PDB file of N, CA and C in Angstrom:
ATOM      1  N   MET A   1      92.053 116.925 102.064  1.00  0.00           N
ATOM      2  CA  MET A   1      92.317 116.426 103.399  1.00  0.00           C
ATOM      3  C   MET A   1      93.719 116.861 103.799  1.00  0.00           C
ATOM      4  N   GLY A   2      93.840 117.416 104.993  1.00  0.00           N
ATOM      5  CA  GLY A   2      95.121 117.895 105.475  1.00  0.00           C
ATOM      6  C   GLY A   2      95.837 116.876 106.332  1.00  0.00           C
ATOM      7  N   ILE A   3      97.058 117.194 106.679  1.00  0.00           N
ATOM      8  CA  ILE A   3      97.886 116.276 107.451  1.00  0.00           C
ATOM      9  C   ILE A   3      97.308 116.018 108.845  1.00  0.00           C
ATOM     10  N   THR A   4      96.664 117.027 109.433  1.00  0.00           N
ATOM     11  CA  THR A   4      96.053 116.854 110.752  1.00  0.00           C
ATOM     12  C   THR A   4      94.925 115.832 110.695  1.00  0.00           C
ATOM     13  N   GLU A   5      94.108 115.905 109.643  1.00  0.00           N
ATOM     14  CA  GLU A   5      93.010 114.958 109.484  1.00  0.00           C
ATOM     15  C   GLU A   5      93.533 113.539 109.249  1.00  0.00           C
ATOM     16  N   ILE A   6      94.615 113.430 108.467  1.00  0.00           N
ATOM     17  CA  ILE A   6      95.198 112.116 108.210  1.00  0.00           C
ATOM     18  C   ILE A   6      95.759 111.526 109.504  1.00  0.00           C
ATOM     19  N   ARG A   7      96.440 112.342 110.291  1.00  0.00           N
ATOM     20  CA  ARG A   7      96.951 111.881 111.587  1.00  0.00           C
ATOM     21  C   ARG A   7      95.811 111.373 112.465  1.00  0.00           C
ATOM     22  N   GLY A   8      94.724 112.128 112.491  1.00  0.00           N
ATOM     23  CA  GLY A   8      93.561 111.733 113.286  1.00  0.00           C
ATOM     24  C   GLY A   8      92.962 110.430 112.809  1.00  0.00           C
ATOM     25  N   GLN A   9      92.852 110.263 111.494  1.00  0.00           N
ATOM     26  CA  GLN A   9      92.305 109.018 110.946  1.00  0.00           C
ATOM     27  C   GLN A   9      93.180 107.823 111.302  1.00  0.00           C
ATOM     28  N   LEU A  10      94.495 107.980 111.121  1.00  0.00           N
ATOM     29  CA  LEU A  10      95.402 106.878 111.448  1.00  0.00           C
ATOM     30  C   LEU A  10      95.320 106.513 112.924  1.00  0.00           C
ATOM     31  N   ALA A  11      95.339 107.515 113.779  1.00  0.00           N
ATOM     32  CA  ALA A  11      95.268 107.269 115.218  1.00  0.00           C
ATOM     33  C   ALA A  11      93.963 106.572 115.584  1.00  0.00           C
ATOM     34  N   GLN A  12      92.861 107.004 114.974  1.00  0.00           N
ATOM     35  CA  GLN A  12      91.563 106.410 115.282  1.00  0.00           C
ATOM     36  C   GLN A  12      91.492 104.955 114.804  1.00  0.00           C
ATOM     37  N   ILE A  13      91.969 104.705 113.589  1.00  0.00           N
ATOM     38  CA  ILE A  13      91.954 103.336 113.050  1.00  0.00           C
ATOM     39  C   ILE A  13      92.772 102.411 113.948  1.00  0.00           C
ATOM     40  N   LEU A  14      93.979 102.822 114.287  1.00  0.00           N
ATOM     41  CA  LEU A  14      94.852 101.974 115.104  1.00  0.00           C
ATOM     42  C   LEU A  14      94.343 101.843 116.528  1.00  0.00           C
ATOM     43  N   ASN A  15      93.773 102.898 117.060  1.00  0.00           N
ATOM     44  CA  ASN A  15      93.250 102.857 118.423  1.00  0.00           C
ATOM     45  C   ASN A  15      92.086 101.886 118.548  1.00  0.00           C
ATOM     46  N   ASN A  16      91.344 101.697 117.459  1.00  0.00           N
ATOM     47  CA  ASN A  16      90.198 100.788 117.484  1.00  0.00           C
ATOM     48  C   ASN A  16      90.584  99.326 117.286  1.00  0.00           C
ATOM     49  N   GLU A  17      91.845  99.068 116.970  1.00  0.00           N
ATOM     50  CA  GLU A  17      92.314  97.697 116.794  1.00  0.00           C
ATOM     51  C   GLU A  17      92.666  97.101 118.162  1.00  0.00           C
ATOM     52  N   PRO A  18      92.364  95.805 118.367  1.00  0.00           N
ATOM     53  CA  PRO A  18      92.625  95.182 119.679  1.00  0.00           C
ATOM     54  C   PRO A  18      94.068  95.333 120.169  1.00  0.00           C
ATOM     55  N   LYS A  19      95.041  95.145 119.290  1.00  0.00           N
ATOM     56  CA  LYS A  19      96.440  95.247 119.704  1.00  0.00           C
ATOM     57  C   LYS A  19      97.061  96.570 119.281  1.00  0.00           C
ATOM     58  N   LYS A  20      96.230  97.504 118.835  1.00  0.00           N
ATOM     59  CA  LYS A  20      96.693  98.819 118.366  1.00  0.00           C
ATOM     60  C   LYS A  20      97.666  98.679 117.197  1.00  0.00           C
ATOM     61  N   THR A  21      97.532  97.579 116.440  1.00  0.00           N
ATOM     62  CA  THR A  21      98.384  97.343 115.272  1.00  0.00           C
ATOM     63  C   THR A  21      97.516  97.065 114.059  1.00  0.00           C
ATOM     64  N   LYS A  22      98.091  97.280 112.881  1.00  0.00           N
ATOM     65  CA  LYS A  22      97.359  97.032 111.634  1.00  0.00           C
ATOM     66  C   LYS A  22      98.360  96.622 110.567  1.00  0.00           C
ATOM     67  N   LYS A  23      98.031  95.552 109.842  1.00  0.00           N
ATOM     68  CA  LYS A  23      98.877  95.080 108.752  1.00  0.00           C
ATOM     69  C   LYS A  23      98.573  95.891 107.495  1.00  0.00           C
ATOM     70  N   LEU A  24      99.611  96.270 106.785  1.00  0.00           N
ATOM     71  CA  LEU A  24      99.458  97.059 105.566  1.00  0.00           C
ATOM     72  C   LEU A  24      99.110  96.138 104.403  1.00  0.00           C
ATOM     73  N   GLU A  25      97.830  95.771 104.332  1.00  0.00           N
ATOM     74  CA  GLU A  25      97.353  94.892 103.272  1.00  0.00           C
ATOM     75  C   GLU A  25      95.848  95.075 103.087  1.00  0.00           C
ATOM     76  N   GLY A  26      95.332  94.526 102.007  1.00  0.00           N
ATOM     77  CA  GLY A  26      93.898  94.514 101.753  1.00  0.00           C
ATOM     78  C   GLY A  26      93.256  95.889 101.684  1.00  0.00           C
ATOM     79  N   ASP A  27      92.045  95.970 102.228  1.00  0.00           N
ATOM     80  CA  ASP A  27      91.272  97.214 102.193  1.00  0.00           C
ATOM     81  C   ASP A  27      91.982  98.358 102.919  1.00  0.00           C
ATOM     82  N   PHE A  28      92.675  98.038 104.003  1.00  0.00           N
ATOM     83  CA  PHE A  28      93.383  99.089 104.741  1.00  0.00           C
ATOM     84  C   PHE A  28      94.487  99.693 103.881  1.00  0.00           C
ATOM     85  N   LEU A  29      95.233  98.859 103.155  1.00  0.00           N
ATOM     86  CA  LEU A  29      96.291  99.373 102.284  1.00  0.00           C
ATOM     87  C   LEU A  29      95.710 100.225 101.162  1.00  0.00           C
ATOM     88  N   ILE A  30      94.593  99.808 100.596  1.00  0.00           N
ATOM     89  CA  ILE A  30      93.935 100.593  99.541  1.00  0.00           C
ATOM     90  C   ILE A  30      93.533 101.964 100.086  1.00  0.00           C
ATOM     91  N   HIS A  31      92.937 101.985 101.270  1.00  0.00           N
ATOM     92  CA  HIS A  31      92.542 103.250 101.911  1.00  0.00           C
ATOM     93  C   HIS A  31      93.775 104.112 102.191  1.00  0.00           C
ATOM     94  N   LEU A  32      94.823 103.486 102.692  1.00  0.00           N
ATOM     95  CA  LEU A  32      96.056 104.196 102.994  1.00  0.00           C
ATOM     96  C   LEU A  32      96.673 104.801 101.739  1.00  0.00           C
ATOM     97  N   LYS A  33      96.665 104.050 100.654  1.00  0.00           N
ATOM     98  CA  LYS A  33      97.195 104.560  99.381  1.00  0.00           C
ATOM     99  C   LYS A  33      96.445 105.815  98.947  1.00  0.00           C
ATOM    100  N   ASN A  34      95.132 105.786  99.102  1.00  0.00           N
ATOM    101  CA  ASN A  34      94.317 106.941  98.713  1.00  0.00           C
ATOM    102  C   ASN A  34      94.646 108.181  99.524  1.00  0.00           C
ATOM    103  N   ILE A  35      94.794 108.030 100.829  1.00  0.00           N
ATOM    104  CA  ILE A  35      95.026 109.219 101.650  1.00  0.00           C
ATOM    105  C   ILE A  35      96.484 109.660 101.649  1.00  0.00           C
ATOM    106  N   LEU A  36      97.416 108.752 101.387  1.00  0.00           N
ATOM    107  CA  LEU A  36      98.828 109.125 101.392  1.00  0.00           C
ATOM    108  C   LEU A  36      99.345 109.543 100.020  1.00  0.00           C
ATOM    109  N   SER A  37      98.519 109.403  98.992  1.00  0.00           N
ATOM    110  CA  SER A  37      98.962 109.745  97.633  1.00  0.00           C
ATOM    111  C   SER A  37      99.339 111.221  97.501  1.00  0.00           C
ATOM    112  N   ILE A  38      98.810 112.083  98.379  1.00  0.00           N
ATOM    113  CA  ILE A  38      99.166 113.508  98.314  1.00  0.00           C
ATOM    114  C   ILE A  38     100.636 113.735  98.674  1.00  0.00           C
ATOM    115  N   PHE A  39     101.275 112.749  99.316  1.00  0.00           N
ATOM    116  CA  PHE A  39     102.679 112.867  99.700  1.00  0.00           C
ATOM    117  C   PHE A  39     103.627 112.216  98.695  1.00  0.00           C
ATOM    118  N   THR A  40     103.084 111.605  97.646  1.00  0.00           N
ATOM    119  CA  THR A  40     103.914 110.895  96.678  1.00  0.00           C
ATOM    120  C   THR A  40     103.807 111.531  95.303  1.00  0.00           C
ATOM    121  N   GLU A  41     104.674 111.115  94.420  1.00  0.00           N
ATOM    122  CA  GLU A  41     104.664 111.645  93.056  1.00  0.00           C
ATOM    123  C   GLU A  41     103.672 110.920  92.161  1.00  0.00           C
ATOM    124  N   THR A  42     103.070 109.860  92.653  1.00  0.00           N
ATOM    125  CA  THR A  42     102.120 109.086  91.869  1.00  0.00           C
ATOM    126  C   THR A  42     100.756 109.074  92.554  1.00  0.00           C
ATOM    127  N   ASP A  43      99.714 108.873  91.761  1.00  0.00           N
ATOM    128  CA  ASP A  43      98.361 108.806  92.327  1.00  0.00           C
ATOM    129  C   ASP A  43      98.069 107.444  92.940  1.00  0.00           C
ATOM    130  N   ASP A  44      98.892 106.439  92.604  1.00  0.00           N
ATOM    131  CA  ASP A  44      98.687 105.086  93.123  1.00  0.00           C
ATOM    132  C   ASP A  44     100.003 104.559  93.707  1.00  0.00           C
ATOM    133  N   PRO A  45     100.363 105.029  94.912  1.00  0.00           N
ATOM    134  CA  PRO A  45     101.624 104.591  95.503  1.00  0.00           C
ATOM    135  C   PRO A  45     101.587 103.106  95.865  1.00  0.00           C
ATOM    136  N   ASN A  46     102.740 102.464  95.791  1.00  0.00           N
ATOM    137  CA  ASN A  46     102.790 101.062  96.213  1.00  0.00           C
ATOM    138  C   ASN A  46     103.028 101.002  97.722  1.00  0.00           C
ATOM    139  N   ARG A  47     103.072  99.791  98.257  1.00  0.00           N
ATOM    140  CA  ARG A  47     103.206  99.633  99.702  1.00  0.00           C
ATOM    141  C   ARG A  47     104.512 100.255 100.206  1.00  0.00           C
ATOM    142  N   ASP A  48     105.617 100.073  99.474  1.00  0.00           N
ATOM    143  CA  ASP A  48     106.895 100.632  99.916  1.00  0.00           C
ATOM    144  C   ASP A  48     106.852 102.157  99.985  1.00  0.00           C
ATOM    145  N   GLU A  49     106.162 102.787  99.031  1.00  0.00           N
ATOM    146  CA  GLU A  49     106.024 104.245  99.065  1.00  0.00           C
ATOM    147  C   GLU A  49     105.182 104.684 100.258  1.00  0.00           C
ATOM    148  N   CYS A  50     104.140 103.920 100.582  1.00  0.00           N
ATOM    149  CA  CYS A  50     103.317 104.227 101.757  1.00  0.00           C
ATOM    150  C   CYS A  50     104.147 104.100 103.036  1.00  0.00           C
ATOM    151  N   ILE A  51     104.971 103.064 103.102  1.00  0.00           N
ATOM    152  CA  ILE A  51     105.837 102.866 104.266  1.00  0.00           C
ATOM    153  C   ILE A  51     106.789 104.047 104.423  1.00  0.00           C
ATOM    154  N   LYS A  52     107.365 104.490 103.320  1.00  0.00           N
ATOM    155  CA  LYS A  52     108.288 105.625 103.348  1.00  0.00           C
ATOM    156  C   LYS A  52     107.587 106.883 103.875  1.00  0.00           C
ATOM    157  N   VAL A  53     106.374 107.142 103.383  1.00  0.00           N
ATOM    158  CA  VAL A  53     105.611 108.316 103.841  1.00  0.00           C
ATOM    159  C   VAL A  53     105.285 108.194 105.321  1.00  0.00           C
ATOM    160  N   LEU A  54     104.859 107.016 105.761  1.00  0.00           N
ATOM    161  CA  LEU A  54     104.534 106.822 107.172  1.00  0.00           C
ATOM    162  C   LEU A  54     105.751 107.091 108.052  1.00  0.00           C
ATOM    163  N   LYS A  55     106.916 106.626 107.620  1.00  0.00           N
ATOM    164  CA  LYS A  55     108.138 106.836 108.409  1.00  0.00           C
ATOM    165  C   LYS A  55     108.551 108.301 108.426  1.00  0.00           C
ATOM    166  N   GLU A  56     108.389 108.988 107.292  1.00  0.00           N
ATOM    167  CA  GLU A  56     108.831 110.380 107.200  1.00  0.00           C
ATOM    168  C   GLU A  56     107.843 111.376 107.804  1.00  0.00           C
ATOM    169  N   GLU A  57     106.561 111.173 107.562  1.00  0.00           N
ATOM    170  CA  GLU A  57     105.559 112.170 107.937  1.00  0.00           C
ATOM    171  C   GLU A  57     104.774 111.844 109.212  1.00  0.00           C
ATOM    172  N   PHE A  58     104.718 110.576 109.589  1.00  0.00           N
ATOM    173  CA  PHE A  58     103.838 110.180 110.690  1.00  0.00           C
ATOM    174  C   PHE A  58     104.561 109.403 111.783  1.00  0.00           C
ATOM    175  N   SER A  59     105.878 109.572 111.874  1.00  0.00           N
ATOM    176  CA  SER A  59     106.658 108.839 112.867  1.00  0.00           C
ATOM    177  C   SER A  59     106.317 109.253 114.301  1.00  0.00           C
ATOM    178  N   ASP A  60     105.614 110.358 114.449  1.00  0.00           N
ATOM    179  CA  ASP A  60     105.233 110.786 115.792  1.00  0.00           C
ATOM    180  C   ASP A  60     104.019 110.022 116.326  1.00  0.00           C
ATOM    181  N   ILE A  61     103.240 109.405 115.436  1.00  0.00           N
ATOM    182  CA  ILE A  61     102.063 108.663 115.915  1.00  0.00           C
ATOM    183  C   ILE A  61     102.113 107.166 115.617  1.00  0.00           C
ATOM    184  N   VAL A  62     102.918 106.746 114.628  1.00  0.00           N
ATOM    185  CA  VAL A  62     103.020 105.318 114.309  1.00  0.00           C
ATOM    186  C   VAL A  62     104.477 104.887 114.262  1.00  0.00           C
ATOM    187  N   ASP A  63     104.692 103.625 114.598  1.00  0.00           N
ATOM    188  CA  ASP A  63     105.977 103.006 114.352  1.00  0.00           C
ATOM    189  C   ASP A  63     105.721 101.624 113.770  1.00  0.00           C
ATOM    190  N   PHE A  64     106.766 100.939 113.433  1.00  0.00           N
ATOM    191  CA  PHE A  64     106.630  99.662 112.744  1.00  0.00           C
ATOM    192  C   PHE A  64     106.966  98.503 113.671  1.00  0.00           C
ATOM    193  N   LYS A  65     106.010  97.598 113.786  1.00  0.00           N
ATOM    194  CA  LYS A  65     106.221  96.377 114.566  1.00  0.00           C
ATOM    195  C   LYS A  65     107.014  95.386 113.721  1.00  0.00           C
ATOM    196  N   SER A  66     106.775  95.405 112.426  1.00  0.00           N
ATOM    197  CA  SER A  66     107.529  94.622 111.446  1.00  0.00           C
ATOM    198  C   SER A  66     107.516  95.419 110.150  1.00  0.00           C
ATOM    199  N   LYS A  67     108.021  94.835 109.084  1.00  0.00           N
ATOM    200  CA  LYS A  67     108.098  95.578 107.820  1.00  0.00           C
ATOM    201  C   LYS A  67     106.733  96.062 107.345  1.00  0.00           C
ATOM    202  N   ILE A  68     105.675  95.278 107.573  1.00  0.00           N
ATOM    203  CA  ILE A  68     104.358  95.658 107.052  1.00  0.00           C
ATOM    204  C   ILE A  68     103.283  95.800 108.134  1.00  0.00           C
ATOM    205  N   VAL A  69     103.689  95.870 109.389  1.00  0.00           N
ATOM    206  CA  VAL A  69     102.724  96.051 110.478  1.00  0.00           C
ATOM    207  C   VAL A  69     103.052  97.349 111.206  1.00  0.00           C
ATOM    208  N   ILE A  70     102.071  98.270 111.205  1.00  0.00           N
ATOM    209  CA  ILE A  70     102.262  99.518 111.937  1.00  0.00           C
ATOM    210  C   ILE A  70     101.519  99.447 113.260  1.00  0.00           C
ATOM    211  N   ARG A  71     101.993 100.212 114.214  1.00  0.00           N
ATOM    212  CA  ARG A  71     101.298 100.262 115.497  1.00  0.00           C
ATOM    213  C   ARG A  71     101.236 101.695 115.988  1.00  0.00           C
ATOM    214  N   LEU A  72     100.228 101.949 116.769  1.00  0.00           N
ATOM    215  CA  LEU A  72     100.033 103.267 117.366  1.00  0.00           C
ATOM    216  C   LEU A  72     101.053 103.455 118.474  1.00  0.00           C
ATOM    217  N   LYS A  73     101.764 104.564 118.437  1.00  0.00           N
ATOM    218  CA  LYS A  73     102.722 104.855 119.499  1.00  0.00           C
ATOM    219  C   LYS A  73     101.974 105.202 120.769  1.00  0.00           C
ATOM    220  N   GLN A  74     102.556 104.812 121.869  1.00  0.00           N
ATOM    221  CA  GLN A  74     102.001 105.177 123.166  1.00  0.00           C
ATOM    222  C   GLN A  74     102.207 106.665 123.363  1.00  0.00           C
ATOM    223  N   THR A  75     101.202 107.335 123.877  1.00  0.00           N
ATOM    224  CA  THR A  75     101.360 108.756 124.160  1.00  0.00           C
ATOM    225  C   THR A  75     102.109 108.898 125.471  1.00  0.00           C
ATOM    226  N   SER A  76     103.051 109.782 125.465  1.00  0.00           N
ATOM    227  CA  SER A  76     103.812 109.992 126.696  1.00  0.00           C
ATOM    228  C   SER A  76     103.023 110.897 127.629  1.00  0.00           C
ATOM    229  N   GLU A  77     103.019 110.550 128.878  1.00  0.00           N
ATOM    230  CA  GLU A  77     102.299 111.344 129.867  1.00  0.00           C
ATOM    231  C   GLU A  77     103.270 112.295 130.547  1.00  0.00           C
ATOM    232  N   LEU A  78     102.761 113.455 130.888  1.00  0.00           N
ATOM    233  CA  LEU A  78     103.579 114.410 131.624  1.00  0.00           C
ATOM    234  C   LEU A  78     103.769 113.916 133.039  1.00  0.00           C
ATOM    235  N   LYS A  79     104.993 113.992 133.512  1.00  0.00           N
ATOM    236  CA  LYS A  79     105.273 113.568 134.874  1.00  0.00           C
ATOM    237  C   LYS A  79     105.715 114.789 135.668  1.00  0.00           C
ATOM    238  N   PHE A  80     105.152 114.925 136.838  1.00  0.00           N
ATOM    239  CA  PHE A  80     105.486 116.050 137.706  1.00  0.00           C
ATOM    240  C   PHE A  80     106.279 115.568 138.891  1.00  0.00           C
ATOM    241  N   LYS A  81     107.252 116.352 139.298  1.00  0.00           N
ATOM    242  CA  LYS A  81     108.048 116.005 140.480  1.00  0.00           C
ATOM    243  C   LYS A  81     107.355 116.457 141.736  1.00  0.00           C
TER     244      LYS A  81
END
C-alpha cells in the first residue's frame, strides 16, 4: 500500500464520521497501526509513534483536535477575483 492509498483511506474514514473526527483508540487505532507501520522502525507501533507519523507524513489532510483525536482538514477552495 502506498502513501496515496493511505491518504485516501484516512480521508474517507474521517469524511464518513459525523464530526469529521476520530479518536485514536480501539479498532481504528489497530487499523492505523497496521497501515502506518511502513513508516516506523517497528511492525507494531504504539499510539505515540502513530501520532508522530500522522504529524510528519499526513499533516496536509489531518490535524489534531486534541492529543488523541484527529480531524479531517477542510479543503481550501480556489477563490477568483
